[in-house]
Amino acid sequence: MTDRLSCQILSENRVLMKKRIIIDGYNLIYQIPDLRRLIERDLESARNMMVQQLAAFADKQETEVIVVFDGDANIDKPYPPHPRLRVSYSRFPERADPLIMKMIQATEPGIDLYVVSSDKEIMACVKEHHYHTLTSQKFASDLQPKTLREAEKKFDHSMSDSELNEWIKLFRDKSSQNDSKEK
């Protein structure tokens, strides 16, 4: 199986298969540094931020995304409907893993399924059904805004010798002016 998320697989009939991604929610959230820090203080906000990122990803990739969280007796606010994103919770006290495995087993033919998790039992279920696996760590790196990484690459933080000399001269001149004012 492949771990390239952006690849498009064509069936033998040259019909584009519908792509679906099932995500182990808490497994992924701990792989996103900003959300991992936030989750300790505000679980709901961290979850909401990840759901927003996944909605944007689903729209950009034109892919159906299902994120599954462990059941939480305190959750009473459903997420607003989104055409490509579904948020599911296992029933408390059940964990998300059995629900994810049921979704894998129930996937209808013609679906190009990717499952994002680092859970060994889930990954074994995915392979048994001949679908695609992605570790949460790999998907988290794909999910992070590329615009920030690209922007950092675009800015050349180095200076030429002439630019550096110009700045040194400017600061030296400014410093000399301030010294003469103090005397």
C-alpha atoms as a PDB file:
ATOM      1  CA  MET A   1       0.000   0.000   0.000  1.00  0.00           C
ATOM      2  CA  THR A   2       1.090   3.577  -0.485  1.00  0.00           C
ATOM      3  CA  ASP A   3       1.406   6.393   1.956  1.00  0.00           C
ATOM      4  CA  ARG A   4       1.050   9.124  -0.661  1.00  0.00           C
ATOM      5  CA  LEU A   5      -2.097  10.972   0.286  1.00  0.00           C
ATOM      6  CA  SER A   6      -2.360  13.074  -2.832  1.00  0.00           C
ATOM      7  CA  CYS A   7      -2.197  10.212  -5.335  1.00  0.00           C
ATOM      8  CA  GLN A   8      -5.262   9.409  -7.394  1.00  0.00           C
ATOM      9  CA  ILE A   9      -5.901   5.789  -8.118  1.00  0.00           C
ATOM     10  CA  LEU A  10      -7.852   4.915 -11.244  1.00  0.00           C
ATOM     11  CA  SER A  11      -9.695   1.657 -11.531  1.00  0.00           C
ATOM     12  CA  GLU A  12      -9.258  -0.538 -14.599  1.00  0.00           C
ATOM     13  CA  ASN A  13     -12.353   1.086 -16.118  1.00  0.00           C
ATOM     14  CA  ARG A  14     -10.562   4.448 -15.856  1.00  0.00           C
ATOM     15  CA  VAL A  15     -13.228   5.634 -13.407  1.00  0.00           C
ATOM     16  CA  LEU A  16     -11.931   7.776 -10.583  1.00  0.00           C
ATOM     17  CA  MET A  17     -12.553   6.015  -7.308  1.00  0.00           C
ATOM     18  CA  LYS A  18     -14.106   7.981  -4.465  1.00  0.00           C
ATOM     19  CA  LYS A  19     -11.515   8.669  -1.803  1.00  0.00           C
ATOM     20  CA  ARG A  20     -12.332   8.464   1.905  1.00  0.00           C
ATOM     21  CA  ILE A  21     -10.083   9.053   4.894  1.00  0.00           C
ATOM     22  CA  ILE A  22     -10.956   7.719   8.342  1.00  0.00           C
ATOM     23  CA  ILE A  23      -8.961   9.371  11.121  1.00  0.00           C
ATOM     24  CA  ASP A  24      -8.317   8.184  14.660  1.00  0.00           C
ATOM     25  CA  GLY A  25      -8.992  11.610  16.209  1.00  0.00           C
ATOM     26  CA  TYR A  26      -7.058  11.596  19.469  1.00  0.00           C
ATOM     27  CA  ASN A  27      -4.273   9.582  17.883  1.00  0.00           C
ATOM     28  CA  LEU A  28      -3.808  12.420  15.367  1.00  0.00           C
ATOM     29  CA  ILE A  29      -4.349  15.341  17.733  1.00  0.00           C
ATOM     30  CA  TYR A  30      -1.306  14.328  19.810  1.00  0.00           C
ATOM     31  CA  GLN A  31       0.860  14.432  16.665  1.00  0.00           C
ATOM     32  CA  ILE A  32       0.131  18.114  15.959  1.00  0.00           C
ATOM     33  CA  PRO A  33       2.453  20.122  18.229  1.00  0.00           C
ATOM     34  CA  ASP A  34       0.209  23.170  18.753  1.00  0.00           C
ATOM     35  CA  LEU A  35      -2.811  20.997  19.531  1.00  0.00           C
ATOM     36  CA  ARG A  36      -0.824  18.661  21.776  1.00  0.00           C
ATOM     37  CA  ARG A  37       0.107  21.668  23.933  1.00  0.00           C
ATOM     38  CA  LEU A  38      -3.449  23.029  23.893  1.00  0.00           C
ATOM     39  CA  ILE A  39      -5.151  19.733  24.731  1.00  0.00           C
ATOM     40  CA  GLU A  40      -3.699  19.768  28.247  1.00  0.00           C
ATOM     41  CA  ARG A  41      -5.463  23.075  28.979  1.00  0.00           C
ATOM     42  CA  ASP A  42      -8.553  22.937  26.767  1.00  0.00           C
ATOM     43  CA  LEU A  43      -9.538  19.657  25.155  1.00  0.00           C
ATOM     44  CA  GLU A  44     -12.606  21.064  23.412  1.00  0.00           C
ATOM     45  CA  SER A  45     -10.665  23.924  21.784  1.00  0.00           C
ATOM     46  CA  ALA A  46      -7.959  21.535  20.580  1.00  0.00           C
ATOM     47  CA  ARG A  47     -10.591  19.236  19.104  1.00  0.00           C
ATOM     48  CA  ASN A  48     -12.368  22.183  17.426  1.00  0.00           C
ATOM     49  CA  MET A  49      -9.132  23.475  15.920  1.00  0.00           C
ATOM     50  CA  MET A  50      -8.300  20.068  14.485  1.00  0.00           C
ATOM     51  CA  VAL A  51     -11.811  19.662  13.067  1.00  0.00           C
ATOM     52  CA  GLN A  52     -11.436  23.055  11.348  1.00  0.00           C
ATOM     53  CA  GLN A  53      -8.085  21.997   9.872  1.00  0.00           C
ATOM     54  CA  LEU A  54      -9.606  18.733   8.665  1.00  0.00           C
ATOM     55  CA  ALA A  55     -12.564  20.541   7.079  1.00  0.00           C
ATOM     56  CA  ALA A  56     -10.173  22.777   5.137  1.00  0.00           C
ATOM     57  CA  PHE A  57      -8.123  19.732   4.138  1.00  0.00           C
ATOM     58  CA  ALA A  58     -11.243  17.852   2.983  1.00  0.00           C
ATOM     59  CA  ASP A  59     -12.312  20.802   0.845  1.00  0.00           C
ATOM     60  CA  LYS A  60      -8.867  21.314  -0.654  1.00  0.00           C
ATOM     61  CA  GLN A  61      -8.407  17.601  -1.417  1.00  0.00           C
ATOM     62  CA  GLU A  62     -12.068  17.133  -2.427  1.00  0.00           C
ATOM     63  CA  THR A  63     -12.091  14.080  -0.186  1.00  0.00           C
ATOM     64  CA  GLU A  64     -14.548  12.650   2.294  1.00  0.00           C
ATOM     65  CA  VAL A  65     -13.032  12.731   5.789  1.00  0.00           C
ATOM     66  CA  ILE A  66     -14.393  10.966   8.854  1.00  0.00           C
ATOM     67  CA  VAL A  67     -12.726  11.737  12.176  1.00  0.00           C
ATOM     68  CA  VAL A  68     -13.557   9.438  15.084  1.00  0.00           C
ATOM     69  CA  PHE A  69     -13.010  10.336  18.735  1.00  0.00           C
ATOM     70  CA  ASP A  70     -13.319   8.231  21.857  1.00  0.00           C
ATOM     71  CA  GLY A  71     -16.706   8.604  23.536  1.00  0.00           C
ATOM     72  CA  ASP A  72     -16.968  11.451  25.996  1.00  0.00           C
ATOM     73  CA  ALA A  73     -19.951  11.694  28.296  1.00  0.00           C
ATOM     74  CA  ASN A  74     -19.503  15.489  28.444  1.00  0.00           C
ATOM     75  CA  ILE A  75     -19.899  16.163  24.704  1.00  0.00           C
ATOM     76  CA  ASP A  76     -23.292  17.570  23.894  1.00  0.00           C
ATOM     77  CA  LYS A  77     -22.586  19.998  21.026  1.00  0.00           C
ATOM     78  CA  PRO A  78     -22.483  18.423  17.568  1.00  0.00           C
ATOM     79  CA  TYR A  79     -20.315  20.021  14.915  1.00  0.00           C
ATOM     80  CA  PRO A  80     -22.092  21.962  12.177  1.00  0.00           C
ATOM     81  CA  PRO A  81     -22.747  19.891   9.070  1.00  0.00           C
ATOM     82  CA  HIS A  82     -20.004  19.904   6.466  1.00  0.00           C
ATOM     83  CA  PRO A  83     -20.324  18.338   3.001  1.00  0.00           C
ATOM     84  CA  ARG A  84     -17.007  16.462   3.175  1.00  0.00           C
ATOM     85  CA  LEU A  85     -16.327  16.068   6.904  1.00  0.00           C
ATOM     86  CA  ARG A  86     -18.085  13.907   9.457  1.00  0.00           C
ATOM     87  CA  VAL A  87     -17.179  13.896  13.144  1.00  0.00           C
ATOM     88  CA  SER A  88     -18.114  10.743  15.049  1.00  0.00           C
ATOM     89  CA  TYR A  89     -17.792   9.695  18.662  1.00  0.00           C
ATOM     90  CA  SER A  90     -17.869   6.187  20.006  1.00  0.00           C
ATOM     91  CA  ARG A  91     -20.527   5.629  22.625  1.00  0.00           C
ATOM     92  CA  PHE A  92     -19.193   6.246  26.116  1.00  0.00           C
ATOM     93  CA  PRO A  93     -17.333   4.285  27.551  1.00  0.00           C
ATOM     94  CA  GLU A  94     -16.436   2.547  24.247  1.00  0.00           C
ATOM     95  CA  ARG A  95     -13.193   3.631  22.598  1.00  0.00           C
ATOM     96  CA  ALA A  96     -12.902   4.857  19.011  1.00  0.00           C
ATOM     97  CA  ASP A  97     -10.811   1.886  17.846  1.00  0.00           C
ATOM     98  CA  PRO A  98     -13.658  -0.678  17.570  1.00  0.00           C
ATOM     99  CA  LEU A  99     -15.827   1.904  15.792  1.00  0.00           C
ATOM    100  CA  ILE A 100     -13.050   2.655  13.300  1.00  0.00           C
ATOM    101  CA  MET A 101     -12.590  -1.069  12.625  1.00  0.00           C
ATOM    102  CA  LYS A 102     -16.347  -1.459  12.024  1.00  0.00           C
ATOM    103  CA  MET A 103     -16.165   1.435   9.532  1.00  0.00           C
ATOM    104  CA  ILE A 104     -13.248  -0.243   7.751  1.00  0.00           C
ATOM    105  CA  GLN A 105     -15.129  -3.540   7.527  1.00  0.00           C
ATOM    106  CA  ALA A 106     -18.297  -1.799   6.281  1.00  0.00           C
ATOM    107  CA  THR A 107     -16.550   0.205   3.539  1.00  0.00           C
ATOM    108  CA  GLU A 108     -18.394  -0.369   0.300  1.00  0.00           C
ATOM    109  CA  PRO A 109     -16.653  -1.427  -2.928  1.00  0.00           C
ATOM    110  CA  GLY A 110     -15.336   1.395  -5.095  1.00  0.00           C
ATOM    111  CA  ILE A 111     -14.021   3.424  -2.160  1.00  0.00           C
ATOM    112  CA  ASP A 112     -10.313   4.204  -2.070  1.00  0.00           C
ATOM    113  CA  LEU A 113      -9.946   4.113   1.722  1.00  0.00           C
ATOM    114  CA  TYR A 114      -7.093   5.569   3.740  1.00  0.00           C
ATOM    115  CA  VAL A 115      -6.975   5.141   7.503  1.00  0.00           C
ATOM    116  CA  VAL A 116      -4.933   7.514   9.661  1.00  0.00           C
ATOM    117  CA  SER A 117      -3.839   5.946  12.928  1.00  0.00           C
ATOM    118  CA  SER A 118      -0.751   4.651  14.647  1.00  0.00           C
ATOM    119  CA  ASP A 119      -2.722   1.993  16.521  1.00  0.00           C
ATOM    120  CA  LYS A 120      -1.378  -1.460  15.628  1.00  0.00           C
ATOM    121  CA  GLU A 121      -4.762  -3.200  15.852  1.00  0.00           C
ATOM    122  CA  ILE A 122      -6.382  -0.662  13.516  1.00  0.00           C
ATOM    123  CA  MET A 123      -3.463  -0.873  11.085  1.00  0.00           C
ATOM    124  CA  ALA A 124      -3.746  -4.673  11.019  1.00  0.00           C
ATOM    125  CA  CYS A 125      -7.470  -4.383  10.216  1.00  0.00           C
ATOM    126  CA  VAL A 126      -6.728  -1.946   7.378  1.00  0.00           C
ATOM    127  CA  LYS A 127      -4.125  -4.261   5.854  1.00  0.00           C
ATOM    128  CA  GLU A 128      -6.419  -7.270   6.215  1.00  0.00           C
ATOM    129  CA  HIS A 129      -8.999  -5.440   4.075  1.00  0.00           C
ATOM    130  CA  HIS A 130      -6.366  -4.222   1.580  1.00  0.00           C
ATOM    131  CA  TYR A 131      -6.785  -0.502   2.151  1.00  0.00           C
ATOM    132  CA  HIS A 132      -4.181   2.207   2.642  1.00  0.00           C
ATOM    133  CA  THR A 133      -2.571   3.124   5.943  1.00  0.00           C
ATOM    134  CA  LEU A 134      -1.033   6.389   7.027  1.00  0.00           C
ATOM    135  CA  THR A 135       0.561   6.946  10.391  1.00  0.00           C
ATOM    136  CA  SER A 136      -0.824   9.823  12.391  1.00  0.00           C
ATOM    137  CA  GLN A 137       2.626  11.399  12.428  1.00  0.00           C
ATOM    138  CA  LYS A 138       2.887  11.358   8.615  1.00  0.00           C
ATOM    139  CA  PHE A 139      -0.617  12.733   8.151  1.00  0.00           C
ATOM    140  CA  ALA A 140       0.002  15.458  10.767  1.00  0.00           C
ATOM    141  CA  SER A 141       3.031  16.652   8.815  1.00  0.00           C
ATOM    142  CA  ASP A 142       0.932  16.701   5.622  1.00  0.00           C
ATOM    143  CA  LEU A 143      -1.847  18.551   7.409  1.00  0.00           C
ATOM    144  CA  GLN A 144       0.338  21.350   8.751  1.00  0.00           C
ATOM    145  CA  PRO A 145       0.024  24.557   6.761  1.00  0.00           C
ATOM    146  CA  LYS A 146       2.485  24.356   3.923  1.00  0.00           C
ATOM    147  CA  THR A 147       2.124  28.100   3.452  1.00  0.00           C
ATOM    148  CA  LEU A 148       4.152  28.719   6.607  1.00  0.00           C
ATOM    149  CA  ARG A 149       6.887  26.312   5.537  1.00  0.00           C
ATOM    150  CA  GLU A 150       6.892  27.777   2.021  1.00  0.00           C
ATOM    151  CA  ALA A 151       7.022  31.329   3.346  1.00  0.00           C
ATOM    152  CA  GLU A 152      10.026  30.484   5.483  1.00  0.00           C
ATOM    153  CA  LYS A 153      11.791  29.087   2.430  1.00  0.00           C
ATOM    154  CA  LYS A 154      10.962  32.152   0.316  1.00  0.00           C
ATOM    155  CA  PHE A 155      12.557  34.577   2.728  1.00  0.00           C
ATOM    156  CA  ASP A 156      16.292  34.653   2.395  1.00  0.00           C
ATOM    157  CA  HIS A 157      17.382  35.564   5.897  1.00  0.00           C
ATOM    158  CA  SER A 158      21.010  35.948   4.918  1.00  0.00           C
ATOM    159  CA  MET A 159      22.555  39.301   3.966  1.00  0.00           C
ATOM    160  CA  SER A 160      25.215  40.069   1.475  1.00  0.00           C
ATOM    161  CA  ASP A 161      28.417  41.674   2.749  1.00  0.00           C
ATOM    162  CA  SER A 162      27.400  45.038   1.318  1.00  0.00           C
ATOM    163  CA  GLU A 163      23.975  44.869   3.073  1.00  0.00           C
ATOM    164  CA  LEU A 164      25.629  43.925   6.347  1.00  0.00           C
ATOM    165  CA  ASN A 165      28.136  46.783   6.036  1.00  0.00           C
ATOM    166  CA  GLU A 166      25.309  49.200   5.269  1.00  0.00           C
ATOM    167  CA  TRP A 167      23.449  48.172   8.463  1.00  0.00           C
ATOM    168  CA  ILE A 168      26.637  48.399  10.548  1.00  0.00           C
ATOM    169  CA  LYS A 169      27.300  51.886   9.166  1.00  0.00           C
ATOM    170  CA  LEU A 170      23.712  52.932   9.849  1.00  0.00           C
ATOM    171  CA  PHE A 171      23.858  51.767  13.478  1.00  0.00           C
ATOM    172  CA  ARG A 172      27.338  53.211  13.968  1.00  0.00           C
ATOM    173  CA  ASP A 173      26.150  56.593  12.641  1.00  0.00           C
ATOM    174  CA  LYS A 174      23.058  56.473  14.867  1.00  0.00           C
ATOM    175  CA  SER A 175      25.181  55.530  17.887  1.00  0.00           C
ATOM    176  CA  SER A 176      27.619  58.379  17.176  1.00  0.00           C
ATOM    177  CA  GLN A 177      24.755  60.853  16.997  1.00  0.00           C
ATOM    178  CA  ASN A 178      23.373  59.664  20.341  1.00  0.00           C
ATOM    179  CA  ASP A 179      26.832  59.859  21.980  1.00  0.00           C
ATOM    180  CA  SER A 180      27.349  63.445  20.823  1.00  0.00           C
ATOM    181  CA  LYS A 181      23.917  64.475  22.141  1.00  0.00           C
ATOM    182  CA  GLU A 182      24.757  63.091  25.594  1.00  0.00           C
ATOM    183  CA  LYS A 183      27.983  65.115  25.861  1.00  0.00           C
END
